[in-house]
Structure formats: C-alpha cells, structure tokens
Amino acid sequence: MAIDEIALQRLLDKEAIREVALKYTRGIDRHDDDIMRQAYHPDARDDHGDYIGDPEGFIQYAKGVHSDHWRVHQHFITNHSIELDGDTAHGETYFFATLARHEGGTDIAAGRYIDRYEKRSGQWAVADRICMLEWTGLLPMS
C-alpha cells in the first residue's frame, strides 16, 4: 500500500492545529504567557467581546479578568472541525469552562471559538479568533 503524501500532510496539519487549540486552553488555565503566545501569530486578532485586539493585550486582559473574578478555572475544548485550504485553515471549536468564584459558587460557560489559522514558516497558529459565548450559568455553593 502506497502512502498518500497529500492525505498524510493533511493529517499532520490538522493535528498541529489541534495542538494549537490545546496550547491556548493550557496557557489560559495556568496563566502561562509563553504557552498562550504559542497559540497565536504575533499579529493575530482576538475578539473576546470585551477585548478585541492583539495576543499580547489579550493575554494580559485574560489574566486580569480571571484573577479578579475566579480563584481557579478550567477551559475544556470538545468538537473541533478544521477545513484546510493550503496554508490557511478555518476552525470551529466548542468550549466549556468552569470558573470557581472567590466568594463561592461556580460560573459555567459554553460557546465556540471561530478561528482562522495560518501556517507561517512551518508553524500553525491562530491569525484571527472570535469567541462566541453561547450560554452561561451559575452553580451555587454546596
């Protein structure tokens, strides 16, 4: 059986993009600027509703908001569709987040990241992101 090099490259590209998505969630939950930076190209744009701008600004914004409101949090990603088009890809990633408030209770949120990824110098990263928050809720302290 001959290896289909085009199909193999598509699989490698999609896996690299999935790793980008995981770097983002790992970085945001650990407040690790270096890991979060790896998810974005330096000139990327992130639209998280209250923040629209470059990755450096978003990293600082996210750390501040998370530290001010929650003592711990976890971001989970689930369904992840990726459409490749050469060195560009479009992705839709479902997310679910649990965020424990300082004063008790846990916020929950879910939505989708709508991303354009670009492969530059052999590296995939987010070039443009829109965070679509679809629902939120509060689990009271028990």
C-alpha atoms as a PDB file:
ATOM      1  CA  MET A   1       0.000   0.000   0.000  1.00  0.00           C
ATOM      2  CA  ALA A   2       1.492   3.331  -1.068  1.00  0.00           C
ATOM      3  CA  ILE A   3       1.453   6.265   1.304  1.00  0.00           C
ATOM      4  CA  ASP A   4      -0.752   9.090   0.114  1.00  0.00           C
ATOM      5  CA  GLU A   5       1.545  12.012   0.886  1.00  0.00           C
ATOM      6  CA  ILE A   6      -1.188  14.631   0.447  1.00  0.00           C
ATOM      7  CA  ALA A   7      -3.530  12.848   2.870  1.00  0.00           C
ATOM      8  CA  LEU A   8      -0.668  12.364   5.324  1.00  0.00           C
ATOM      9  CA  GLN A   9       0.200  16.077   5.210  1.00  0.00           C
ATOM     10  CA  ARG A  10      -3.442  16.991   5.803  1.00  0.00           C
ATOM     11  CA  LEU A  11      -3.484  14.772   8.901  1.00  0.00           C
ATOM     12  CA  LEU A  12      -0.248  16.309  10.174  1.00  0.00           C
ATOM     13  CA  ASP A  13      -1.592  19.830   9.603  1.00  0.00           C
ATOM     14  CA  LYS A  14      -4.858  19.081  11.391  1.00  0.00           C
ATOM     15  CA  GLU A  15      -3.016  17.582  14.357  1.00  0.00           C
ATOM     16  CA  ALA A  16      -0.746  20.637  14.563  1.00  0.00           C
ATOM     17  CA  ILE A  17      -3.855  22.852  14.619  1.00  0.00           C
ATOM     18  CA  ARG A  18      -5.400  20.733  17.393  1.00  0.00           C
ATOM     19  CA  GLU A  19      -2.186  21.218  19.376  1.00  0.00           C
ATOM     20  CA  VAL A  20      -2.576  24.998  18.928  1.00  0.00           C
ATOM     21  CA  ALA A  21      -6.061  24.798  20.458  1.00  0.00           C
ATOM     22  CA  LEU A  22      -4.727  22.802  23.412  1.00  0.00           C
ATOM     23  CA  LYS A  23      -1.888  25.271  23.989  1.00  0.00           C
ATOM     24  CA  TYR A  24      -4.445  28.036  24.315  1.00  0.00           C
ATOM     25  CA  THR A  25      -6.523  26.229  26.960  1.00  0.00           C
ATOM     26  CA  ARG A  26      -3.462  25.029  28.852  1.00  0.00           C
ATOM     27  CA  GLY A  27      -1.921  28.501  28.823  1.00  0.00           C
ATOM     28  CA  ILE A  28      -5.047  30.353  29.932  1.00  0.00           C
ATOM     29  CA  ASP A  29      -5.738  27.961  32.815  1.00  0.00           C
ATOM     30  CA  ARG A  30      -2.147  28.116  34.070  1.00  0.00           C
ATOM     31  CA  HIS A  31      -1.749  31.875  33.454  1.00  0.00           C
ATOM     32  CA  ASP A  32       1.296  30.896  31.404  1.00  0.00           C
ATOM     33  CA  ASP A  33       2.020  33.713  28.961  1.00  0.00           C
ATOM     34  CA  ASP A  34       4.590  31.718  26.975  1.00  0.00           C
ATOM     35  CA  ILE A  35       2.243  28.811  26.304  1.00  0.00           C
ATOM     36  CA  MET A  36      -0.588  31.167  25.316  1.00  0.00           C
ATOM     37  CA  ARG A  37       1.705  33.087  22.945  1.00  0.00           C
ATOM     38  CA  GLN A  38       2.417  29.836  21.084  1.00  0.00           C
ATOM     39  CA  ALA A  39      -1.263  29.620  20.114  1.00  0.00           C
ATOM     40  CA  TYR A  40      -1.194  32.934  18.208  1.00  0.00           C
ATOM     41  CA  HIS A  41       0.790  34.608  15.481  1.00  0.00           C
ATOM     42  CA  PRO A  42       2.168  37.879  16.922  1.00  0.00           C
ATOM     43  CA  ASP A  43      -0.032  39.989  14.614  1.00  0.00           C
ATOM     44  CA  ALA A  44      -3.199  37.969  15.263  1.00  0.00           C
ATOM     45  CA  ARG A  45      -6.507  39.489  16.280  1.00  0.00           C
ATOM     46  CA  ASP A  46      -8.620  38.108  19.130  1.00  0.00           C
ATOM     47  CA  ASP A  47     -12.248  39.169  19.608  1.00  0.00           C
ATOM     48  CA  HIS A  48     -13.455  38.041  23.026  1.00  0.00           C
ATOM     49  CA  GLY A  49     -16.285  40.564  23.169  1.00  0.00           C
ATOM     50  CA  ASP A  50     -14.969  42.810  25.951  1.00  0.00           C
ATOM     51  CA  TYR A  51     -11.482  42.627  24.448  1.00  0.00           C
ATOM     52  CA  ILE A  52     -10.663  42.988  20.756  1.00  0.00           C
ATOM     53  CA  GLY A  53      -7.018  43.275  19.855  1.00  0.00           C
ATOM     54  CA  ASP A  54      -3.641  41.610  19.640  1.00  0.00           C
ATOM     55  CA  PRO A  55      -2.496  38.493  21.522  1.00  0.00           C
ATOM     56  CA  GLU A  56      -0.238  40.348  23.983  1.00  0.00           C
ATOM     57  CA  GLY A  57      -3.090  42.573  25.069  1.00  0.00           C
ATOM     58  CA  PHE A  58      -5.467  39.624  25.297  1.00  0.00           C
ATOM     59  CA  ILE A  59      -3.061  37.609  27.451  1.00  0.00           C
ATOM     60  CA  GLN A  60      -2.828  40.468  29.965  1.00  0.00           C
ATOM     61  CA  TYR A  61      -6.584  41.110  29.799  1.00  0.00           C
ATOM     62  CA  ALA A  62      -7.436  37.430  30.375  1.00  0.00           C
ATOM     63  CA  LYS A  63      -5.043  37.077  33.329  1.00  0.00           C
ATOM     64  CA  GLY A  64      -6.537  40.157  34.971  1.00  0.00           C
ATOM     65  CA  VAL A  65     -10.166  39.149  34.471  1.00  0.00           C
ATOM     66  CA  HIS A  66      -9.571  35.574  35.583  1.00  0.00           C
ATOM     67  CA  SER A  67      -7.590  36.613  38.691  1.00  0.00           C
ATOM     68  CA  ASP A  68     -10.115  39.280  39.677  1.00  0.00           C
ATOM     69  CA  HIS A  69     -13.203  37.075  39.433  1.00  0.00           C
ATOM     70  CA  TRP A  70     -12.170  33.444  39.933  1.00  0.00           C
ATOM     71  CA  ARG A  71      -9.801  31.517  42.172  1.00  0.00           C
ATOM     72  CA  VAL A  72      -9.440  28.602  39.727  1.00  0.00           C
ATOM     73  CA  HIS A  73     -10.791  27.769  36.294  1.00  0.00           C
ATOM     74  CA  GLN A  74     -10.655  25.104  33.622  1.00  0.00           C
ATOM     75  CA  HIS A  75     -11.330  25.509  29.917  1.00  0.00           C
ATOM     76  CA  PHE A  76     -12.288  22.362  28.008  1.00  0.00           C
ATOM     77  CA  ILE A  77     -12.468  22.014  24.250  1.00  0.00           C
ATOM     78  CA  THR A  78     -14.617  19.409  22.556  1.00  0.00           C
ATOM     79  CA  ASN A  79     -15.881  19.255  18.957  1.00  0.00           C
ATOM     80  CA  HIS A  80     -13.251  20.710  16.646  1.00  0.00           C
ATOM     81  CA  SER A  81     -13.863  20.986  12.927  1.00  0.00           C
ATOM     82  CA  ILE A  82     -10.993  22.079  10.685  1.00  0.00           C
ATOM     83  CA  GLU A  83     -11.212  22.981   6.997  1.00  0.00           C
ATOM     84  CA  LEU A  84      -7.811  23.189   5.326  1.00  0.00           C
ATOM     85  CA  ASP A  85      -7.085  25.441   2.371  1.00  0.00           C
ATOM     86  CA  GLY A  86      -3.354  25.324   1.714  1.00  0.00           C
ATOM     87  CA  ASP A  87      -1.530  27.258   4.432  1.00  0.00           C
ATOM     88  CA  THR A  88      -4.807  28.651   5.778  1.00  0.00           C
ATOM     89  CA  ALA A  89      -7.434  26.791   7.764  1.00  0.00           C
ATOM     90  CA  HIS A  90     -10.778  27.637   9.294  1.00  0.00           C
ATOM     91  CA  GLY A  91     -11.795  26.034  12.545  1.00  0.00           C
ATOM     92  CA  GLU A  92     -14.757  25.898  14.865  1.00  0.00           C
ATOM     93  CA  THR A  93     -14.029  24.590  18.345  1.00  0.00           C
ATOM     94  CA  TYR A  94     -16.666  24.116  21.026  1.00  0.00           C
ATOM     95  CA  PHE A  95     -15.602  25.069  24.538  1.00  0.00           C
ATOM     96  CA  PHE A  96     -16.920  24.611  28.044  1.00  0.00           C
ATOM     97  CA  ALA A  97     -15.439  26.441  31.037  1.00  0.00           C
ATOM     98  CA  THR A  98     -15.875  26.088  34.779  1.00  0.00           C
ATOM     99  CA  LEU A  99     -14.737  29.042  36.866  1.00  0.00           C
ATOM    100  CA  ALA A 100     -14.819  28.910  40.687  1.00  0.00           C
ATOM    101  CA  ARG A 101     -15.614  32.295  42.220  1.00  0.00           C
ATOM    102  CA  HIS A 102     -13.527  33.673  45.082  1.00  0.00           C
ATOM    103  CA  GLU A 103     -16.629  34.059  47.270  1.00  0.00           C
ATOM    104  CA  GLY A 104     -18.101  30.641  46.383  1.00  0.00           C
ATOM    105  CA  GLY A 105     -20.181  29.205  43.595  1.00  0.00           C
ATOM    106  CA  THR A 106     -19.002  28.264  40.131  1.00  0.00           C
ATOM    107  CA  ASP A 107     -19.667  30.030  36.874  1.00  0.00           C
ATOM    108  CA  ILE A 108     -20.078  27.830  33.832  1.00  0.00           C
ATOM    109  CA  ALA A 109     -19.886  28.984  30.241  1.00  0.00           C
ATOM    110  CA  ALA A 110     -20.002  27.411  26.813  1.00  0.00           C
ATOM    111  CA  GLY A 111     -19.550  28.557  23.267  1.00  0.00           C
ATOM    112  CA  ARG A 112     -17.324  28.291  20.216  1.00  0.00           C
ATOM    113  CA  TYR A 113     -14.011  29.643  19.042  1.00  0.00           C
ATOM    114  CA  ILE A 114     -14.280  30.613  15.374  1.00  0.00           C
ATOM    115  CA  ASP A 115     -10.697  30.685  14.108  1.00  0.00           C
ATOM    116  CA  ARG A 116      -8.636  31.362  11.046  1.00  0.00           C
ATOM    117  CA  TYR A 117      -5.319  29.583  11.353  1.00  0.00           C
ATOM    118  CA  GLU A 118      -2.290  30.257   9.197  1.00  0.00           C
ATOM    119  CA  LYS A 119       0.817  28.198   8.641  1.00  0.00           C
ATOM    120  CA  ARG A 120       3.848  30.501   8.574  1.00  0.00           C
ATOM    121  CA  SER A 121       7.431  29.258   8.407  1.00  0.00           C
ATOM    122  CA  GLY A 122       6.073  25.762   9.001  1.00  0.00           C
ATOM    123  CA  GLN A 123       4.124  26.691  12.181  1.00  0.00           C
ATOM    124  CA  TRP A 124       0.359  26.767  12.555  1.00  0.00           C
ATOM    125  CA  ALA A 125      -1.179  29.385  14.864  1.00  0.00           C
ATOM    126  CA  VAL A 126      -4.303  31.499  15.230  1.00  0.00           C
ATOM    127  CA  ALA A 127      -4.376  34.512  12.902  1.00  0.00           C
ATOM    128  CA  ASP A 128      -7.911  35.619  13.798  1.00  0.00           C
ATOM    129  CA  ARG A 129     -10.274  34.450  16.553  1.00  0.00           C
ATOM    130  CA  ILE A 130     -13.821  35.231  17.530  1.00  0.00           C
ATOM    131  CA  CYS A 131     -15.036  33.825  20.838  1.00  0.00           C
ATOM    132  CA  MET A 132     -18.784  33.200  20.578  1.00  0.00           C
ATOM    133  CA  LEU A 133     -20.167  32.870  24.101  1.00  0.00           C
ATOM    134  CA  GLU A 134     -23.439  30.977  23.737  1.00  0.00           C
ATOM    135  CA  TRP A 135     -24.634  30.398  27.294  1.00  0.00           C
ATOM    136  CA  THR A 136     -23.636  30.851  30.905  1.00  0.00           C
ATOM    137  CA  GLY A 137     -24.886  29.666  34.269  1.00  0.00           C
ATOM    138  CA  LEU A 138     -24.079  29.622  37.970  1.00  0.00           C
ATOM    139  CA  LEU A 139     -23.729  26.577  40.172  1.00  0.00           C
ATOM    140  CA  PRO A 140     -24.378  27.712  43.744  1.00  0.00           C
ATOM    141  CA  MET A 141     -22.006  26.757  46.524  1.00  0.00           C
ATOM    142  CA  SER A 142     -22.913  23.385  48.025  1.00  0.00           C
END
